PDB file of all heavy atoms in Angstrom:
ATOM      1  N   PRO A   1      -1.660 -29.938 -44.830  1.00  0.00           N
ATOM      2  CA  PRO A   1      -1.600 -29.938 -43.364  1.00  0.00           C
ATOM      3  C   PRO A   1      -2.143 -28.626 -42.796  1.00  0.00           C
ATOM      4  O   PRO A   1      -1.889 -27.558 -43.348  1.00  0.00           O
ATOM      5  CB  PRO A   1      -0.102 -30.077 -43.069  1.00  0.00           C
ATOM      6  CG  PRO A   1       0.571 -29.521 -44.269  1.00  0.00           C
ATOM      7  CD  PRO A   1      -0.342 -29.795 -45.428  1.00  0.00           C
ATOM      8  N   PRO A   2      -2.882 -28.696 -41.692  1.00  0.00           N
ATOM      9  CA  PRO A   2      -3.396 -27.466 -41.091  1.00  0.00           C
ATOM     10  C   PRO A   2      -2.319 -26.608 -40.427  1.00  0.00           C
ATOM     11  O   PRO A   2      -2.486 -25.411 -40.297  1.00  0.00           O
ATOM     12  CB  PRO A   2      -4.395 -27.937 -40.041  1.00  0.00           C
ATOM     13  CG  PRO A   2      -4.474 -29.402 -40.133  1.00  0.00           C
ATOM     14  CD  PRO A   2      -3.442 -29.882 -41.085  1.00  0.00           C
ATOM     15  N   GLU A   3      -1.201 -27.228 -40.008  1.00  0.00           N
ATOM     16  CA  GLU A   3      -0.146 -26.459 -39.348  1.00  0.00           C
ATOM     17  C   GLU A   3       1.234 -26.849 -39.858  1.00  0.00           C
ATOM     18  O   GLU A   3       1.525 -28.025 -40.078  1.00  0.00           O
ATOM     19  CB  GLU A   3      -0.151 -26.715 -37.838  1.00  0.00           C
ATOM     20  CG  GLU A   3      -1.283 -26.066 -37.099  1.00  0.00           C
ATOM     21  CD  GLU A   3      -1.117 -26.237 -35.604  1.00  0.00           C
ATOM     22  OE1 GLU A   3      -1.165 -27.391 -35.135  1.00  0.00           O
ATOM     23  OE2 GLU A   3      -0.936 -25.214 -34.921  1.00  0.00           O
ATOM     24  N   LEU A   4       2.073 -25.835 -39.994  1.00  0.00           N
ATOM     25  CA  LEU A   4       3.483 -26.006 -40.333  1.00  0.00           C
ATOM     26  C   LEU A   4       4.281 -25.067 -39.425  1.00  0.00           C
ATOM     27  O   LEU A   4       3.861 -23.932 -39.177  1.00  0.00           O
ATOM     28  CB  LEU A   4       3.753 -25.633 -41.792  1.00  0.00           C
ATOM     29  CG  LEU A   4       3.008 -26.433 -42.847  1.00  0.00           C
ATOM     30  CD1 LEU A   4       3.045 -25.714 -44.186  1.00  0.00           C
ATOM     31  CD2 LEU A   4       3.626 -27.811 -42.972  1.00  0.00           C
ATOM     32  N   PHE A   5       5.428 -25.541 -38.954  1.00  0.00           N
ATOM     33  CA  PHE A   5       6.289 -24.707 -38.121  1.00  0.00           C
ATOM     34  C   PHE A   5       7.735 -25.036 -38.457  1.00  0.00           C
ATOM     35  O   PHE A   5       8.073 -26.198 -38.703  1.00  0.00           O
ATOM     36  CB  PHE A   5       6.035 -24.979 -36.629  1.00  0.00           C
ATOM     37  CG  PHE A   5       6.908 -24.150 -35.732  1.00  0.00           C
ATOM     38  CD1 PHE A   5       6.613 -22.823 -35.491  1.00  0.00           C
ATOM     39  CD2 PHE A   5       8.040 -24.697 -35.150  1.00  0.00           C
ATOM     40  CE1 PHE A   5       7.430 -22.046 -34.682  1.00  0.00           C
ATOM     41  CE2 PHE A   5       8.866 -23.928 -34.334  1.00  0.00           C
ATOM     42  CZ  PHE A   5       8.549 -22.602 -34.101  1.00  0.00           C
ATOM     43  N   SER A   6       8.578 -24.024 -38.475  1.00  0.00           N
ATOM     44  CA  SER A   6      10.009 -24.274 -38.658  1.00  0.00           C
ATOM     45  C   SER A   6      10.807 -23.238 -37.879  1.00  0.00           C
ATOM     46  O   SER A   6      10.352 -22.111 -37.666  1.00  0.00           O
ATOM     47  CB  SER A   6      10.403 -24.247 -40.135  1.00  0.00           C
ATOM     48  OG  SER A   6      10.288 -22.947 -40.651  1.00  0.00           O
ATOM     49  N   ALA A   7      11.996 -23.650 -37.465  1.00  0.00           N
ATOM     50  CA  ALA A   7      12.906 -22.762 -36.745  1.00  0.00           C
ATOM     51  C   ALA A   7      14.330 -23.127 -37.151  1.00  0.00           C
ATOM     52  O   ALA A   7      14.635 -24.297 -37.407  1.00  0.00           O
ATOM     53  CB  ALA A   7      12.733 -22.914 -35.239  1.00  0.00           C
ATOM     54  N   ALA A   8      15.174 -22.120 -37.233  1.00  0.00           N
ATOM     55  CA  ALA A   8      16.566 -22.348 -37.621  1.00  0.00           C
ATOM     56  C   ALA A   8      17.476 -21.404 -36.843  1.00  0.00           C
ATOM     57  O   ALA A   8      17.086 -20.283 -36.504  1.00  0.00           O
ATOM     58  CB  ALA A   8      16.745 -22.133 -39.112  1.00  0.00           C
ATOM     59  N   LEU A   9      18.674 -21.874 -36.582  1.00  0.00           N
ATOM     60  CA  LEU A   9      19.690 -21.083 -35.901  1.00  0.00           C
ATOM     61  C   LEU A   9      21.023 -21.383 -36.573  1.00  0.00           C
ATOM     62  O   LEU A   9      21.366 -22.561 -36.772  1.00  0.00           O
ATOM     63  CB  LEU A   9      19.747 -21.445 -34.414  1.00  0.00           C
ATOM     64  CG  LEU A   9      20.761 -20.692 -33.551  1.00  0.00           C
ATOM     65  CD1 LEU A   9      20.416 -19.206 -33.510  1.00  0.00           C
ATOM     66  CD2 LEU A   9      20.796 -21.280 -32.154  1.00  0.00           C
ATOM     67  N   ALA A  10      21.756 -20.344 -36.938  1.00  0.00           N
ATOM     68  CA  ALA A  10      23.056 -20.524 -37.591  1.00  0.00           C
ATOM     69  C   ALA A  10      24.067 -19.554 -36.990  1.00  0.00           C
ATOM     70  O   ALA A  10      23.718 -18.441 -36.591  1.00  0.00           O
ATOM     71  CB  ALA A  10      22.931 -20.294 -39.091  1.00  0.00           C
ATOM     72  N   TRP A  11      25.299 -20.002 -36.928  1.00  0.00           N
ATOM     73  CA  TRP A  11      26.400 -19.168 -36.434  1.00  0.00           C
ATOM     74  C   TRP A  11      27.593 -19.366 -37.363  1.00  0.00           C
ATOM     75  O   TRP A  11      27.869 -20.487 -37.812  1.00  0.00           O
ATOM     76  CB  TRP A  11      26.775 -19.573 -35.015  1.00  0.00           C
ATOM     77  CG  TRP A  11      28.034 -18.906 -34.532  1.00  0.00           C
ATOM     78  CD1 TRP A  11      28.150 -17.639 -34.042  1.00  0.00           C
ATOM     79  CD2 TRP A  11      29.345 -19.465 -34.514  1.00  0.00           C
ATOM     80  NE1 TRP A  11      29.468 -17.377 -33.717  1.00  0.00           N
ATOM     81  CE2 TRP A  11      30.214 -18.492 -34.004  1.00  0.00           C
ATOM     82  CE3 TRP A  11      29.871 -20.703 -34.900  1.00  0.00           C
ATOM     83  CZ2 TRP A  11      31.578 -18.709 -33.861  1.00  0.00           C
ATOM     84  CZ3 TRP A  11      31.232 -20.920 -34.747  1.00  0.00           C
ATOM     85  CH2 TRP A  11      32.069 -19.933 -34.226  1.00  0.00           C
ATOM     86  N   GLN A  12      28.285 -18.266 -37.646  1.00  0.00           N
ATOM     87  CA  GLN A  12      29.455 -18.349 -38.531  1.00  0.00           C
ATOM     88  C   GLN A  12      30.460 -17.285 -38.113  1.00  0.00           C
ATOM     89  O   GLN A  12      30.096 -16.162 -37.791  1.00  0.00           O
ATOM     90  CB  GLN A  12      29.021 -18.120 -39.974  1.00  0.00           C
ATOM     91  CG  GLN A  12      30.161 -18.186 -40.961  1.00  0.00           C
ATOM     92  CD  GLN A  12      29.666 -18.077 -42.391  1.00  0.00           C
ATOM     93  OE1 GLN A  12      28.599 -18.559 -42.719  1.00  0.00           O
ATOM     94  NE2 GLN A  12      30.451 -17.449 -43.232  1.00  0.00           N
ATOM     95  N   ASN A  13      31.727 -17.675 -38.127  1.00  0.00           N
ATOM     96  CA  ASN A  13      32.789 -16.687 -37.947  1.00  0.00           C
ATOM     97  C   ASN A  13      33.758 -16.832 -39.114  1.00  0.00           C
ATOM     98  O   ASN A  13      33.435 -17.449 -40.131  1.00  0.00           O
ATOM     99  CB  ASN A  13      33.470 -16.826 -36.569  1.00  0.00           C
ATOM    100  CG  ASN A  13      34.325 -18.070 -36.428  1.00  0.00           C
ATOM    101  OD1 ASN A  13      34.605 -18.792 -37.400  1.00  0.00           O
ATOM    102  ND2 ASN A  13      34.752 -18.346 -35.210  1.00  0.00           N
ATOM    103  N   GLU A  14      34.950 -16.325 -38.969  1.00  0.00           N
ATOM    104  CA  GLU A  14      35.918 -16.316 -40.067  1.00  0.00           C
ATOM    105  C   GLU A  14      36.328 -17.727 -40.513  1.00  0.00           C
ATOM    106  O   GLU A  14      36.653 -17.954 -41.673  1.00  0.00           O
ATOM    107  CB  GLU A  14      37.151 -15.531 -39.623  1.00  0.00           C
ATOM    108  CG  GLU A  14      38.175 -15.320 -40.698  1.00  0.00           C
ATOM    109  CD  GLU A  14      39.372 -14.507 -40.212  1.00  0.00           C
ATOM    110  OE1 GLU A  14      39.333 -13.976 -39.082  1.00  0.00           O
ATOM    111  OE2 GLU A  14      40.345 -14.435 -40.967  1.00  0.00           O
ATOM    112  N   PHE A  15      36.309 -18.702 -39.598  1.00  0.00           N
ATOM    113  CA  PHE A  15      36.805 -20.038 -39.912  1.00  0.00           C
ATOM    114  C   PHE A  15      35.777 -21.168 -39.771  1.00  0.00           C
ATOM    115  O   PHE A  15      35.918 -22.200 -40.402  1.00  0.00           O
ATOM    116  CB  PHE A  15      38.008 -20.380 -39.025  1.00  0.00           C
ATOM    117  CG  PHE A  15      39.128 -19.397 -39.143  1.00  0.00           C
ATOM    118  CD1 PHE A  15      39.387 -18.498 -38.115  1.00  0.00           C
ATOM    119  CD2 PHE A  15      39.914 -19.344 -40.288  1.00  0.00           C
ATOM    120  CE1 PHE A  15      40.407 -17.575 -38.221  1.00  0.00           C
ATOM    121  CE2 PHE A  15      40.946 -18.428 -40.400  1.00  0.00           C
ATOM    122  CZ  PHE A  15      41.189 -17.529 -39.367  1.00  0.00           C
ATOM    123  N   PHE A  16      34.783 -20.991 -38.929  1.00  0.00           N
ATOM    124  CA  PHE A  16      33.845 -22.078 -38.627  1.00  0.00           C
ATOM    125  C   PHE A  16      32.394 -21.647 -38.805  1.00  0.00           C
ATOM    126  O   PHE A  16      32.072 -20.463 -38.750  1.00  0.00           O
ATOM    127  CB  PHE A  16      34.039 -22.569 -37.178  1.00  0.00           C
ATOM    128  CG  PHE A  16      35.427 -23.067 -36.902  1.00  0.00           C
ATOM    129  CD1 PHE A  16      36.340 -22.272 -36.231  1.00  0.00           C
ATOM    130  CD2 PHE A  16      35.816 -24.331 -37.330  1.00  0.00           C
ATOM    131  CE1 PHE A  16      37.628 -22.726 -35.999  1.00  0.00           C
ATOM    132  CE2 PHE A  16      37.096 -24.791 -37.089  1.00  0.00           C
ATOM    133  CZ  PHE A  16      38.005 -23.987 -36.428  1.00  0.00           C
ATOM    134  N   SER A  17      31.532 -22.661 -38.969  1.00  0.00           N
ATOM    135  CA  SER A  17      30.090 -22.399 -39.033  1.00  0.00           C
ATOM    136  C   SER A  17      29.353 -23.597 -38.451  1.00  0.00           C
ATOM    137  O   SER A  17      29.859 -24.721 -38.456  1.00  0.00           O
ATOM    138  CB  SER A  17      29.644 -22.156 -40.476  1.00  0.00           C
ATOM    139  OG  SER A  17      29.853 -23.314 -41.260  1.00  0.00           O
ATOM    140  N   THR A  18      28.177 -23.339 -37.953  1.00  0.00           N
ATOM    141  CA  THR A  18      27.311 -24.403 -37.460  1.00  0.00           C
ATOM    142  C   THR A  18      25.862 -23.964 -37.665  1.00  0.00           C
ATOM    143  O   THR A  18      25.572 -22.767 -37.679  1.00  0.00           O
ATOM    144  CB  THR A  18      27.594 -24.738 -35.975  1.00  0.00           C
ATOM    145  OG1 THR A  18      26.843 -25.890 -35.605  1.00  0.00           O
ATOM    146  CG2 THR A  18      27.269 -23.583 -35.067  1.00  0.00           C
ATOM    147  N   ALA A  19      24.984 -24.927 -37.852  1.00  0.00           N
ATOM    148  CA  ALA A  19      23.575 -24.603 -38.076  1.00  0.00           C
ATOM    149  C   ALA A  19      22.702 -25.740 -37.558  1.00  0.00           C
ATOM    150  O   ALA A  19      23.117 -26.897 -37.530  1.00  0.00           O
ATOM    151  CB  ALA A  19      23.302 -24.373 -39.559  1.00  0.00           C
ATOM    152  N   ALA A  20      21.494 -25.383 -37.152  1.00  0.00           N
ATOM    153  CA  ALA A  20      20.498 -26.358 -36.738  1.00  0.00           C
ATOM    154  C   ALA A  20      19.149 -25.884 -37.272  1.00  0.00           C
ATOM    155  O   ALA A  20      18.862 -24.686 -37.280  1.00  0.00           O
ATOM    156  CB  ALA A  20      20.453 -26.475 -35.220  1.00  0.00           C
ATOM    157  N   GLN A  21      18.341 -26.835 -37.721  1.00  0.00           N
ATOM    158  CA  GLN A  21      17.023 -26.505 -38.264  1.00  0.00           C
ATOM    159  C   GLN A  21      16.041 -27.565 -37.815  1.00  0.00           C
ATOM    160  O   GLN A  21      16.377 -28.758 -37.778  1.00  0.00           O
ATOM    161  CB  GLN A  21      17.102 -26.446 -39.796  1.00  0.00           C
ATOM    162  CG  GLN A  21      15.871 -25.935 -40.484  1.00  0.00           C
ATOM    163  CD  GLN A  21      14.941 -27.026 -40.977  1.00  0.00           C
ATOM    164  OE1 GLN A  21      15.322 -28.176 -41.129  1.00  0.00           O
ATOM    165  NE2 GLN A  21      13.708 -26.665 -41.192  1.00  0.00           N
ATOM    166  N   TRP A  22      14.839 -27.145 -37.451  1.00  0.00           N
ATOM    167  CA  TRP A  22      13.780 -28.053 -37.035  1.00  0.00           C
ATOM    168  C   TRP A  22      12.502 -27.662 -37.741  1.00  0.00           C
ATOM    169  O   TRP A  22      12.189 -26.468 -37.859  1.00  0.00           O
ATOM    170  CB  TRP A  22      13.597 -27.990 -35.522  1.00  0.00           C
ATOM    171  CG  TRP A  22      12.506 -28.863 -35.009  1.00  0.00           C
ATOM    172  CD1 TRP A  22      12.574 -30.214 -34.803  1.00  0.00           C
ATOM    173  CD2 TRP A  22      11.186 -28.479 -34.648  1.00  0.00           C
ATOM    174  NE1 TRP A  22      11.373 -30.692 -34.326  1.00  0.00           N
ATOM    175  CE2 TRP A  22      10.491 -29.628 -34.227  1.00  0.00           C
ATOM    176  CE3 TRP A  22      10.514 -27.258 -34.643  1.00  0.00           C
ATOM    177  CZ2 TRP A  22       9.173 -29.599 -33.805  1.00  0.00           C
ATOM    178  CZ3 TRP A  22       9.198 -27.240 -34.226  1.00  0.00           C
ATOM    179  CH2 TRP A  22       8.544 -28.397 -33.813  1.00  0.00           C
ATOM    180  N   SER A  23      11.756 -28.655 -38.235  1.00  0.00           N
ATOM    181  CA  SER A  23      10.480 -28.368 -38.890  1.00  0.00           C
ATOM    182  C   SER A  23       9.431 -29.371 -38.435  1.00  0.00           C
ATOM    183  O   SER A  23       9.747 -30.510 -38.098  1.00  0.00           O
ATOM    184  CB  SER A  23      10.625 -28.407 -40.407  1.00  0.00           C
ATOM    185  OG  SER A  23      10.953 -29.713 -40.836  1.00  0.00           O
ATOM    186  N   TYR A  24       8.185 -28.915 -38.434  1.00  0.00           N
ATOM    187  CA  TYR A  24       7.055 -29.731 -38.011  1.00  0.00           C
ATOM    188  C   TYR A  24       5.965 -29.604 -39.066  1.00  0.00           C
ATOM    189  O   TYR A  24       5.639 -28.500 -39.507  1.00  0.00           O
ATOM    190  CB  TYR A  24       6.534 -29.247 -36.658  1.00  0.00           C
ATOM    191  CG  TYR A  24       5.197 -29.839 -36.274  1.00  0.00           C
ATOM    192  CD1 TYR A  24       5.114 -31.125 -35.748  1.00  0.00           C
ATOM    193  CD2 TYR A  24       4.018 -29.122 -36.448  1.00  0.00           C
ATOM    194  CE1 TYR A  24       3.882 -31.674 -35.390  1.00  0.00           C
ATOM    195  CE2 TYR A  24       2.785 -29.659 -36.097  1.00  0.00           C
ATOM    196  CZ  TYR A  24       2.725 -30.933 -35.573  1.00  0.00           C
ATOM    197  OH  TYR A  24       1.518 -31.470 -35.233  1.00  0.00           O
ATOM    198  N   THR A  25       5.401 -30.747 -39.457  1.00  0.00           N
ATOM    199  CA  THR A  25       4.256 -30.795 -40.363  1.00  0.00           C
ATOM    200  C   THR A  25       3.166 -31.576 -39.642  1.00  0.00           C
ATOM    201  O   THR A  25       3.385 -32.710 -39.225  1.00  0.00           O
ATOM    202  CB  THR A  25       4.627 -31.498 -41.681  1.00  0.00           C
ATOM    203  OG1 THR A  25       5.696 -30.783 -42.300  1.00  0.00           O
ATOM    204  CG2 THR A  25       3.445 -31.563 -42.628  1.00  0.00           C
ATOM    205  N   SER A  26       1.987 -30.967 -39.505  1.00  0.00           N
ATOM    206  CA  SER A  26       0.908 -31.618 -38.765  1.00  0.00           C
ATOM    207  C   SER A  26       0.259 -32.723 -39.594  1.00  0.00           C
ATOM    208  O   SER A  26       0.655 -32.973 -40.735  1.00  0.00           O
ATOM    209  CB  SER A  26      -0.145 -30.590 -38.344  1.00  0.00           C
ATOM    210  OG  SER A  26      -0.850 -30.118 -39.477  1.00  0.00           O
ATOM    211  N   PHE A  27      -0.752 -33.337 -39.024  1.00  0.00           N
ATOM    212  CA  PHE A  27      -1.467 -34.403 -39.715  1.00  0.00           C
ATOM    213  C   PHE A  27      -2.031 -33.884 -41.034  1.00  0.00           C
ATOM    214  O   PHE A  27      -2.176 -32.685 -41.239  1.00  0.00           O
ATOM    215  CB  PHE A  27      -2.603 -34.938 -38.838  1.00  0.00           C
ATOM    216  CG  PHE A  27      -3.757 -33.988 -38.729  1.00  0.00           C
ATOM    217  CD1 PHE A  27      -4.801 -34.049 -39.635  1.00  0.00           C
ATOM    218  CD2 PHE A  27      -3.790 -33.009 -37.743  1.00  0.00           C
ATOM    219  CE1 PHE A  27      -5.871 -33.163 -39.556  1.00  0.00           C
ATOM    220  CE2 PHE A  27      -4.850 -32.126 -37.654  1.00  0.00           C
ATOM    221  CZ  PHE A  27      -5.889 -32.202 -38.568  1.00  0.00           C
ATOM    222  N   ARG A  28      -2.370 -34.793 -41.925  1.00  0.00           N
ATOM    223  CA  ARG A  28      -3.059 -34.479 -43.174  1.00  0.00           C
ATOM    224  C   ARG A  28      -3.691 -35.762 -43.676  1.00  0.00           C
ATOM    225  O   ARG A  28      -3.356 -36.844 -43.206  1.00  0.00           O
ATOM    226  CB  ARG A  28      -2.148 -33.846 -44.213  1.00  0.00           C
ATOM    227  CG  ARG A  28      -0.985 -34.681 -44.628  1.00  0.00           C
ATOM    228  CD  ARG A  28       0.326 -34.063 -44.130  1.00  0.00           C
ATOM    229  NE  ARG A  28       1.430 -34.916 -44.508  1.00  0.00           N
ATOM    230  CZ  ARG A  28       1.940 -35.849 -43.746  1.00  0.00           C
ATOM    231  NH1 ARG A  28       1.490 -36.081 -42.556  1.00  0.00           N
ATOM    232  NH2 ARG A  28       2.925 -36.596 -44.158  1.00  0.00           N
ATOM    233  N   TYR A  29      -4.587 -35.625 -44.604  1.00  0.00           N
ATOM    234  CA  TYR A  29      -5.302 -36.780 -45.139  1.00  0.00           C
ATOM    235  C   TYR A  29      -4.751 -37.145 -46.506  1.00  0.00           C
ATOM    236  O   TYR A  29      -4.386 -36.277 -47.295  1.00  0.00           O
ATOM    237  CB  TYR A  29      -6.800 -36.481 -45.249  1.00  0.00           C
ATOM    238  CG  TYR A  29      -7.443 -36.233 -43.912  1.00  0.00           C
ATOM    239  CD1 TYR A  29      -7.612 -34.938 -43.427  1.00  0.00           C
ATOM    240  CD2 TYR A  29      -7.856 -37.297 -43.120  1.00  0.00           C
ATOM    241  CE1 TYR A  29      -8.192 -34.715 -42.191  1.00  0.00           C
ATOM    242  CE2 TYR A  29      -8.437 -37.078 -41.875  1.00  0.00           C
ATOM    243  CZ  TYR A  29      -8.590 -35.779 -41.424  1.00  0.00           C
ATOM    244  OH  TYR A  29      -9.159 -35.565 -40.201  1.00  0.00           O
ATOM    245  N   ALA A  30      -4.709 -38.445 -46.797  1.00  0.00           N
ATOM    246  CA  ALA A  30      -4.193 -38.925 -48.073  1.00  0.00           C
ATOM    247  C   ALA A  30      -5.300 -39.084 -49.117  1.00  0.00           C
ATOM    248  O   ALA A  30      -4.998 -39.257 -50.293  1.00  0.00           O
ATOM    249  CB  ALA A  30      -3.469 -40.259 -47.890  1.00  0.00           C
ATOM    250  N   GLN A  31      -6.544 -39.046 -48.692  1.00  0.00           N
ATOM    251  CA  GLN A  31      -7.673 -39.234 -49.604  1.00  0.00           C
ATOM    252  C   GLN A  31      -8.707 -38.131 -49.382  1.00  0.00           C
ATOM    253  O   GLN A  31      -8.797 -37.576 -48.292  1.00  0.00           O
ATOM    254  CB  GLN A  31      -8.341 -40.602 -49.354  1.00  0.00           C
ATOM    255  CG  GLN A  31      -7.475 -41.798 -49.638  1.00  0.00           C
ATOM    256  CD  GLN A  31      -7.288 -42.025 -51.133  1.00  0.00           C
ATOM    257  OE1 GLN A  31      -8.117 -41.646 -51.949  1.00  0.00           O
ATOM    258  NE2 GLN A  31      -6.172 -42.623 -51.502  1.00  0.00           N
ATOM    259  N   PRO A  32      -9.514 -37.842 -50.397  1.00  0.00           N
ATOM    260  CA  PRO A  32     -10.603 -36.884 -50.200  1.00  0.00           C
ATOM    261  C   PRO A  32     -11.610 -37.421 -49.185  1.00  0.00           C
ATOM    262  O   PRO A  32     -11.734 -38.626 -48.996  1.00  0.00           O
ATOM    263  CB  PRO A  32     -11.256 -36.787 -51.581  1.00  0.00           C
ATOM    264  CG  PRO A  32     -10.336 -37.435 -52.538  1.00  0.00           C
ATOM    265  CD  PRO A  32      -9.459 -38.362 -51.761  1.00  0.00           C
ATOM    266  N   GLY A  33     -12.305 -36.530 -48.526  1.00  0.00           N
ATOM    267  CA  GLY A  33     -13.322 -36.939 -47.576  1.00  0.00           C
ATOM    268  C   GLY A  33     -12.876 -36.898 -46.132  1.00  0.00           C
ATOM    269  O   GLY A  33     -13.683 -37.077 -45.228  1.00  0.00           O
ATOM    270  N   ALA A  34     -11.585 -36.692 -45.883  1.00  0.00           N
ATOM    271  CA  ALA A  34     -11.038 -36.562 -44.523  1.00  0.00           C
ATOM    272  C   ALA A  34     -11.441 -37.714 -43.611  1.00  0.00           C
ATOM    273  O   ALA A  34     -11.792 -37.517 -42.453  1.00  0.00           O
ATOM    274  CB  ALA A  34     -11.439 -35.216 -43.913  1.00  0.00           C
ATOM    275  N   GLU A  35     -11.374 -38.932 -44.144  1.00  0.00           N
ATOM    276  CA  GLU A  35     -11.685 -40.102 -43.323  1.00  0.00           C
ATOM    277  C   GLU A  35     -10.490 -40.474 -42.464  1.00  0.00           C
ATOM    278  O   GLU A  35      -9.343 -40.389 -42.903  1.00  0.00           O
ATOM    279  CB  GLU A  35     -12.057 -41.283 -44.216  1.00  0.00           C
ATOM    280  CG  GLU A  35     -13.352 -41.089 -44.968  1.00  0.00           C
ATOM    281  CD  GLU A  35     -13.677 -42.289 -45.836  1.00  0.00           C
ATOM    282  OE1 GLU A  35     -13.159 -43.383 -45.554  1.00  0.00           O
ATOM    283  OE2 GLU A  35     -14.447 -42.110 -46.790  1.00  0.00           O
ATOM    284  N   PHE A  36     -10.773 -40.946 -41.257  1.00  0.00           N
ATOM    285  CA  PHE A  36      -9.730 -41.321 -40.312  1.00  0.00           C
ATOM    286  C   PHE A  36      -8.770 -42.355 -40.915  1.00  0.00           C
ATOM    287  O   PHE A  36      -7.579 -42.336 -40.634  1.00  0.00           O
ATOM    288  CB  PHE A  36     -10.356 -41.852 -39.019  1.00  0.00           C
ATOM    289  CG  PHE A  36      -9.342 -42.244 -37.998  1.00  0.00           C
ATOM    290  CD1 PHE A  36      -8.670 -41.274 -37.266  1.00  0.00           C
ATOM    291  CD2 PHE A  36      -9.025 -43.576 -37.786  1.00  0.00           C
ATOM    292  CE1 PHE A  36      -7.711 -41.620 -36.331  1.00  0.00           C
ATOM    293  CE2 PHE A  36      -8.063 -43.942 -36.853  1.00  0.00           C
ATOM    294  CZ  PHE A  36      -7.403 -42.961 -36.121  1.00  0.00           C
ATOM    295  N   THR A  37      -9.270 -43.249 -41.748  1.00  0.00           N
ATOM    296  CA  THR A  37      -8.432 -44.307 -42.325  1.00  0.00           C
ATOM    297  C   THR A  37      -7.377 -43.762 -43.279  1.00  0.00           C
ATOM    298  O   THR A  37      -6.423 -44.463 -43.590  1.00  0.00           O
ATOM    299  CB  THR A  37      -9.299 -45.336 -43.075  1.00  0.00           C
ATOM    300  OG1 THR A  37     -10.056 -44.660 -44.077  1.00  0.00           O
ATOM    301  CG2 THR A  37     -10.220 -46.073 -42.116  1.00  0.00           C
ATOM    302  N   SER A  38      -7.527 -42.534 -43.747  1.00  0.00           N
ATOM    303  CA  SER A  38      -6.523 -41.966 -44.660  1.00  0.00           C
ATOM    304  C   SER A  38      -5.639 -40.934 -43.961  1.00  0.00           C
ATOM    305  O   SER A  38      -4.884 -40.227 -44.608  1.00  0.00           O
ATOM    306  CB  SER A  38      -7.198 -41.332 -45.879  1.00  0.00           C
ATOM    307  OG  SER A  38      -7.818 -40.113 -45.545  1.00  0.00           O
ATOM    308  N   LEU A  39      -5.712 -40.874 -42.634  1.00  0.00           N
ATOM    309  CA  LEU A  39      -4.949 -39.908 -41.859  1.00  0.00           C
ATOM    310  C   LEU A  39      -3.457 -40.252 -41.873  1.00  0.00           C
ATOM    311  O   LEU A  39      -3.083 -41.392 -41.609  1.00  0.00           O
ATOM    312  CB  LEU A  39      -5.467 -39.886 -40.422  1.00  0.00           C
ATOM    313  CG  LEU A  39      -4.988 -38.763 -39.522  1.00  0.00           C
ATOM    314  CD1 LEU A  39      -5.486 -37.420 -40.019  1.00  0.00           C
ATOM    315  CD2 LEU A  39      -5.476 -39.006 -38.102  1.00  0.00           C
ATOM    316  N   LEU A  40      -2.637 -39.284 -42.181  1.00  0.00           N
ATOM    317  CA  LEU A  40      -1.179 -39.425 -42.096  1.00  0.00           C
ATOM    318  C   LEU A  40      -0.721 -38.697 -40.836  1.00  0.00           C
ATOM    319  O   LEU A  40      -1.130 -37.560 -40.588  1.00  0.00           O
ATOM    320  CB  LEU A  40      -0.493 -38.836 -43.319  1.00  0.00           C
ATOM    321  CG  LEU A  40      -0.784 -39.532 -44.637  1.00  0.00           C
ATOM    322  CD1 LEU A  40      -0.175 -38.756 -45.798  1.00  0.00           C
ATOM    323  CD2 LEU A  40      -0.232 -40.944 -44.625  1.00  0.00           C
ATOM    324  N   ARG A  41       0.122 -39.335 -40.063  1.00  0.00           N
ATOM    325  CA  ARG A  41       0.538 -38.764 -38.784  1.00  0.00           C
ATOM    326  C   ARG A  41       1.464 -37.561 -38.970  1.00  0.00           C
ATOM    327  O   ARG A  41       2.158 -37.454 -39.989  1.00  0.00           O
ATOM    328  CB  ARG A  41       1.199 -39.821 -37.916  1.00  0.00           C
ATOM    329  CG  ARG A  41       2.519 -40.316 -38.417  1.00  0.00           C
ATOM    330  CD  ARG A  41       3.106 -41.351 -37.451  1.00  0.00           C
ATOM    331  NE  ARG A  41       4.422 -41.753 -37.857  1.00  0.00           N
ATOM    332  CZ  ARG A  41       5.533 -41.086 -37.580  1.00  0.00           C
ATOM    333  NH1 ARG A  41       5.485 -39.979 -36.890  1.00  0.00           N
ATOM    334  NH2 ARG A  41       6.704 -41.516 -37.992  1.00  0.00           N
ATOM    335  N   PRO A  42       1.493 -36.675 -37.994  1.00  0.00           N
ATOM    336  CA  PRO A  42       2.422 -35.543 -38.049  1.00  0.00           C
ATOM    337  C   PRO A  42       3.862 -36.031 -37.957  1.00  0.00           C
ATOM    338  O   PRO A  42       4.123 -37.148 -37.491  1.00  0.00           O
ATOM    339  CB  PRO A  42       2.068 -34.713 -36.814  1.00  0.00           C
ATOM    340  CG  PRO A  42       0.958 -35.389 -36.125  1.00  0.00           C
ATOM    341  CD  PRO A  42       0.679 -36.686 -36.796  1.00  0.00           C
ATOM    342  N   PHE A  43       4.780 -35.191 -38.405  1.00  0.00           N
ATOM    343  CA  PHE A  43       6.196 -35.526 -38.270  1.00  0.00           C
ATOM    344  C   PHE A  43       7.006 -34.258 -38.077  1.00  0.00           C
ATOM    345  O   PHE A  43       6.581 -33.169 -38.445  1.00  0.00           O
ATOM    346  CB  PHE A  43       6.707 -36.331 -39.476  1.00  0.00           C
ATOM    347  CG  PHE A  43       6.668 -35.587 -40.777  1.00  0.00           C
ATOM    348  CD1 PHE A  43       7.757 -34.831 -41.197  1.00  0.00           C
ATOM    349  CD2 PHE A  43       5.564 -35.661 -41.601  1.00  0.00           C
ATOM    350  CE1 PHE A  43       7.725 -34.154 -42.412  1.00  0.00           C
ATOM    351  CE2 PHE A  43       5.518 -34.995 -42.816  1.00  0.00           C
ATOM    352  CZ  PHE A  43       6.602 -34.240 -43.218  1.00  0.00           C
TER     353      PHE A  43
END
């Protein structure tokens, strides 16, 4: 993929914790030649 992005946030105290994480992977091709028919969508 030409682009990757991730972000995370976590909080913790003596008794509790919480976390959130988000990641993005851009399009990429499943076959050599970069043909549109082998394009995998970003997620």
